[in-house]
Structure formats: C-alpha cells, structure tokens
C-alpha cells in the first residue's frame, strides 16, 4: 500500500482514506462505526485499507451512519 509520500489513484485505497477521514471527524472508532451500520469491524478495516471492494449498498449504509450522502463518501482525492 502506498505511503503518504506516494499518492495513489487506486479507487479502493482512496475510498478507504475517505472513510477513515469521515469516521475520525466524528471521533468514532472502527468498532463504533461497525455497530452503527451493522457491519463487521474486520470488514470495515479491510475497506479502510483498500483491500475490500465495497458494494454500493454498504456505501449507502456507511453514508447513513455517518450522516453524509453517498456522493460525499465518493469525494476521492488523488493528489
């Protein structure tokens, strides 16, 4: 997985980074987010690391739990 000094264009990694950002903005642990959206914490960890190809329904569940739109979840930075 790329480090901070190596930007990536991998959408799975970018989505995972965005998810971490939104989760941390709320001060939530992976476990708390998992409980809020009914997903396994280990699955969320894989998504955050860019190792899981998340389904649209799960993006919608996460967006709902984080009180953002699914479109907001997909604002990926590849700078």
N, C-alpha and C. Protein backbone atom coordinates (compact mmCIF):
# COMPACT_ATOMS: atom_id res chain seq x y z
N UNK A 1 0.86 -1.18 0.00
CA UNK A 1 0.00 0.00 0.00
C UNK A 1 0.90 1.24 0.00
N UNK A 2 0.55 2.24 -0.78
CA UNK A 2 1.39 3.44 -0.85
C UNK A 2 1.44 4.17 0.48
N UNK A 3 2.55 4.84 0.71
CA UNK A 3 2.68 5.66 1.90
C UNK A 3 2.17 7.07 1.59
N UNK A 4 2.19 7.94 2.59
CA UNK A 4 1.73 9.31 2.39
C UNK A 4 2.53 10.03 1.31
N UNK A 5 3.79 9.65 1.15
CA UNK A 5 4.63 10.32 0.15
C UNK A 5 4.41 9.76 -1.25
N UNK A 6 3.63 8.69 -1.38
CA UNK A 6 3.35 8.09 -2.67
C UNK A 6 1.85 8.16 -2.96
N UNK A 7 1.40 9.21 -3.66
CA UNK A 7 -0.03 9.30 -3.97
C UNK A 7 -0.48 8.10 -4.80
N UNK A 8 -1.73 7.75 -4.64
CA UNK A 8 -2.28 6.61 -5.37
C UNK A 8 -3.50 7.05 -6.16
N UNK A 9 -3.79 6.30 -7.19
CA UNK A 9 -5.02 6.54 -7.93
C UNK A 9 -5.97 5.36 -7.77
N UNK A 10 -5.61 4.40 -6.93
CA UNK A 10 -6.43 3.22 -6.69
C UNK A 10 -7.72 3.65 -5.98
N UNK A 11 -8.87 3.47 -6.62
CA UNK A 11 -10.12 3.92 -6.01
C UNK A 11 -10.44 3.22 -4.70
N UNK A 12 -10.01 1.98 -4.52
CA UNK A 12 -10.27 1.29 -3.26
C UNK A 12 -9.50 1.94 -2.11
N UNK A 13 -8.25 2.28 -2.37
CA UNK A 13 -7.42 2.95 -1.36
C UNK A 13 -7.97 4.34 -1.08
N UNK A 14 -8.33 5.08 -2.12
CA UNK A 14 -8.86 6.43 -1.95
C UNK A 14 -10.17 6.41 -1.17
N UNK A 15 -11.04 5.45 -1.47
CA UNK A 15 -12.29 5.34 -0.73
C UNK A 15 -12.01 5.03 0.74
N UNK A 16 -11.07 4.13 0.98
CA UNK A 16 -10.71 3.79 2.36
C UNK A 16 -10.19 4.99 3.12
N UNK A 17 -9.36 5.80 2.47
CA UNK A 17 -8.84 7.01 3.10
C UNK A 17 -9.97 7.97 3.42
N UNK A 18 -10.92 8.10 2.50
CA UNK A 18 -12.07 8.99 2.73
C UNK A 18 -12.91 8.49 3.89
N UNK A 19 -13.11 7.18 3.96
CA UNK A 19 -13.88 6.61 5.06
C UNK A 19 -13.21 6.88 6.40
N UNK A 20 -11.91 6.70 6.46
CA UNK A 20 -11.16 6.99 7.69
C UNK A 20 -11.34 8.45 8.08
N UNK A 21 -11.22 9.34 7.10
CA UNK A 21 -11.36 10.77 7.36
C UNK A 21 -12.73 11.08 7.96
N UNK A 22 -13.79 10.59 7.34
CA UNK A 22 -15.14 10.87 7.82
C UNK A 22 -15.38 10.25 9.21
N UNK A 23 -14.87 9.05 9.41
CA UNK A 23 -15.03 8.37 10.71
C UNK A 23 -14.32 9.16 11.81
N UNK A 24 -13.09 9.57 11.54
CA UNK A 24 -12.31 10.29 12.55
C UNK A 24 -12.87 11.68 12.82
N UNK A 25 -13.49 12.31 11.81
CA UNK A 25 -14.14 13.61 12.03
C UNK A 25 -15.23 13.51 13.10
N UNK A 26 -15.83 12.34 13.22
CA UNK A 26 -16.87 12.12 14.23
C UNK A 26 -16.29 11.60 15.54
N UNK A 27 -15.00 11.31 15.55
CA UNK A 27 -14.38 10.79 16.76
C UNK A 27 -14.74 9.34 17.03
N UNK A 28 -15.09 8.60 15.99
CA UNK A 28 -15.53 7.21 16.14
C UNK A 28 -14.39 6.24 15.88
N UNK A 29 -14.43 5.13 16.60
CA UNK A 29 -13.53 4.02 16.33
C UNK A 29 -14.15 3.17 15.20
N UNK A 30 -13.36 2.26 14.65
CA UNK A 30 -13.91 1.33 13.67
C UNK A 30 -15.05 0.53 14.29
N UNK A 31 -14.86 0.14 15.55
CA UNK A 31 -15.88 -0.65 16.22
C UNK A 31 -17.20 0.11 16.35
N UNK A 32 -17.12 1.39 16.70
CA UNK A 32 -18.35 2.18 16.83
C UNK A 32 -19.05 2.32 15.49
N UNK A 33 -18.29 2.60 14.41
CA UNK A 33 -18.90 2.71 13.09
C UNK A 33 -19.52 1.38 12.68
N UNK A 34 -18.83 0.29 12.96
CA UNK A 34 -19.36 -1.03 12.63
C UNK A 34 -20.70 -1.27 13.32
N UNK A 35 -20.79 -0.91 14.58
CA UNK A 35 -22.04 -1.06 15.33
C UNK A 35 -23.14 -0.18 14.75
N UNK A 36 -22.78 1.05 14.38
CA UNK A 36 -23.77 1.99 13.85
C UNK A 36 -24.37 1.53 12.52
N UNK A 37 -23.56 0.85 11.70
CA UNK A 37 -24.06 0.48 10.37
C UNK A 37 -24.29 -1.02 10.21
N UNK A 38 -24.06 -1.81 11.25
CA UNK A 38 -24.35 -3.24 11.20
C UNK A 38 -23.38 -4.05 10.37
N UNK A 39 -22.13 -3.65 10.35
CA UNK A 39 -21.09 -4.38 9.61
C UNK A 39 -20.05 -4.90 10.58
N UNK A 40 -19.29 -5.88 10.14
CA UNK A 40 -18.20 -6.41 10.95
C UNK A 40 -17.04 -5.42 10.97
N UNK A 41 -16.42 -5.26 12.14
CA UNK A 41 -15.29 -4.35 12.25
C UNK A 41 -14.13 -4.78 11.36
N UNK A 42 -13.92 -6.09 11.24
CA UNK A 42 -12.83 -6.57 10.39
C UNK A 42 -13.08 -6.24 8.92
N UNK A 43 -14.35 -6.27 8.50
CA UNK A 43 -14.69 -5.88 7.13
C UNK A 43 -14.38 -4.40 6.91
N UNK A 44 -14.78 -3.55 7.86
CA UNK A 44 -14.51 -2.12 7.75
C UNK A 44 -13.01 -1.84 7.71
N UNK A 45 -12.25 -2.59 8.50
CA UNK A 45 -10.80 -2.43 8.47
C UNK A 45 -10.23 -2.73 7.09
N UNK A 46 -10.75 -3.77 6.44
CA UNK A 46 -10.32 -4.10 5.09
C UNK A 46 -10.70 -3.03 4.09
N UNK A 47 -11.88 -2.45 4.25
CA UNK A 47 -12.31 -1.35 3.37
C UNK A 47 -11.40 -0.15 3.57
N UNK A 48 -11.11 0.19 4.82
CA UNK A 48 -10.26 1.35 5.11
C UNK A 48 -8.85 1.16 4.57
N UNK A 49 -8.37 -0.06 4.52
CA UNK A 49 -7.03 -0.32 3.98
C UNK A 49 -7.02 -0.48 2.47
N UNK A 50 -8.19 -0.41 1.83
CA UNK A 50 -8.27 -0.56 0.39
C UNK A 50 -8.13 -2.00 -0.07
N UNK A 51 -8.45 -2.94 0.81
CA UNK A 51 -8.32 -4.37 0.49
C UNK A 51 -9.65 -5.02 0.14
N UNK A 52 -10.75 -4.30 0.34
CA UNK A 52 -12.08 -4.84 0.06
C UNK A 52 -12.77 -3.98 -0.98
N UNK A 53 -13.45 -4.62 -1.91
CA UNK A 53 -14.23 -3.92 -2.93
C UNK A 53 -15.66 -3.79 -2.39
N UNK A 54 -15.94 -2.65 -1.82
CA UNK A 54 -17.21 -2.43 -1.12
C UNK A 54 -18.38 -2.31 -2.09
N UNK A 55 -19.50 -2.87 -1.71
CA UNK A 55 -20.72 -2.82 -2.52
C UNK A 55 -21.45 -1.50 -2.31
N UNK A 56 -22.21 -1.10 -3.30
CA UNK A 56 -22.98 0.14 -3.23
C UNK A 56 -23.91 0.17 -2.02
N UNK A 57 -24.56 -0.93 -1.72
CA UNK A 57 -25.46 -0.97 -0.55
C UNK A 57 -24.69 -0.67 0.74
N UNK A 58 -23.48 -1.16 0.83
CA UNK A 58 -22.68 -0.89 2.03
C UNK A 58 -22.20 0.56 2.07
N UNK A 59 -21.91 1.14 0.92
CA UNK A 59 -21.58 2.57 0.87
C UNK A 59 -22.76 3.37 1.40
N UNK A 60 -23.96 3.01 0.99
CA UNK A 60 -25.16 3.71 1.45
C UNK A 60 -25.37 3.54 2.96
N UNK A 61 -25.10 2.34 3.49
CA UNK A 61 -25.22 2.12 4.94
C UNK A 61 -24.22 2.98 5.70
N UNK A 62 -22.98 3.03 5.20
CA UNK A 62 -21.95 3.84 5.85
C UNK A 62 -22.32 5.31 5.80
N UNK A 63 -22.78 5.77 4.64
CA UNK A 63 -23.16 7.18 4.49
C UNK A 63 -24.26 7.54 5.47
N UNK A 64 -25.24 6.66 5.60
CA UNK A 64 -26.34 6.90 6.53
C UNK A 64 -25.84 6.98 7.97
N UNK A 65 -24.98 6.05 8.35
CA UNK A 65 -24.43 6.04 9.71
C UNK A 65 -23.60 7.28 9.99
N UNK A 66 -22.89 7.77 8.96
CA UNK A 66 -22.02 8.94 9.12
C UNK A 66 -22.75 10.25 8.85
N UNK A 67 -24.04 10.18 8.52
CA UNK A 67 -24.87 11.35 8.23
C UNK A 67 -24.33 12.19 7.08
N UNK A 68 -23.90 11.51 6.02
CA UNK A 68 -23.46 12.17 4.80
C UNK A 68 -24.15 11.47 3.63
N UNK A 69 -24.13 12.10 2.47
CA UNK A 69 -24.70 11.46 1.29
C UNK A 69 -23.70 10.46 0.73
N UNK A 70 -24.19 9.46 -0.01
CA UNK A 70 -23.25 8.55 -0.68
C UNK A 70 -22.29 9.31 -1.60
N UNK A 71 -22.75 10.38 -2.23
CA UNK A 71 -21.88 11.19 -3.09
C UNK A 71 -20.73 11.78 -2.29
N UNK A 72 -21.01 12.21 -1.05
CA UNK A 72 -19.97 12.76 -0.19
C UNK A 72 -18.93 11.69 0.14
N UNK A 73 -19.36 10.46 0.28
CA UNK A 73 -18.42 9.36 0.56
C UNK A 73 -17.46 9.14 -0.62
N UNK A 74 -17.93 9.49 -1.82
CA UNK A 74 -17.16 9.22 -3.03
C UNK A 74 -16.30 10.40 -3.49
N UNK A 75 -16.19 11.42 -2.66
CA UNK A 75 -15.31 12.55 -2.99
C UNK A 75 -13.88 12.12 -2.68
N UNK A 76 -13.23 11.53 -3.68
CA UNK A 76 -11.92 10.93 -3.50
C UNK A 76 -10.84 11.87 -3.99
N UNK A 77 -9.81 12.05 -3.19
CA UNK A 77 -8.66 12.89 -3.57
C UNK A 77 -7.53 12.00 -4.03
N UNK A 78 -6.99 12.31 -5.19
CA UNK A 78 -5.84 11.55 -5.68
C UNK A 78 -4.65 12.46 -5.89
N UNK A 79 -4.56 13.55 -5.09
CA UNK A 79 -3.46 14.50 -5.21
C UNK A 79 -2.16 13.86 -4.79
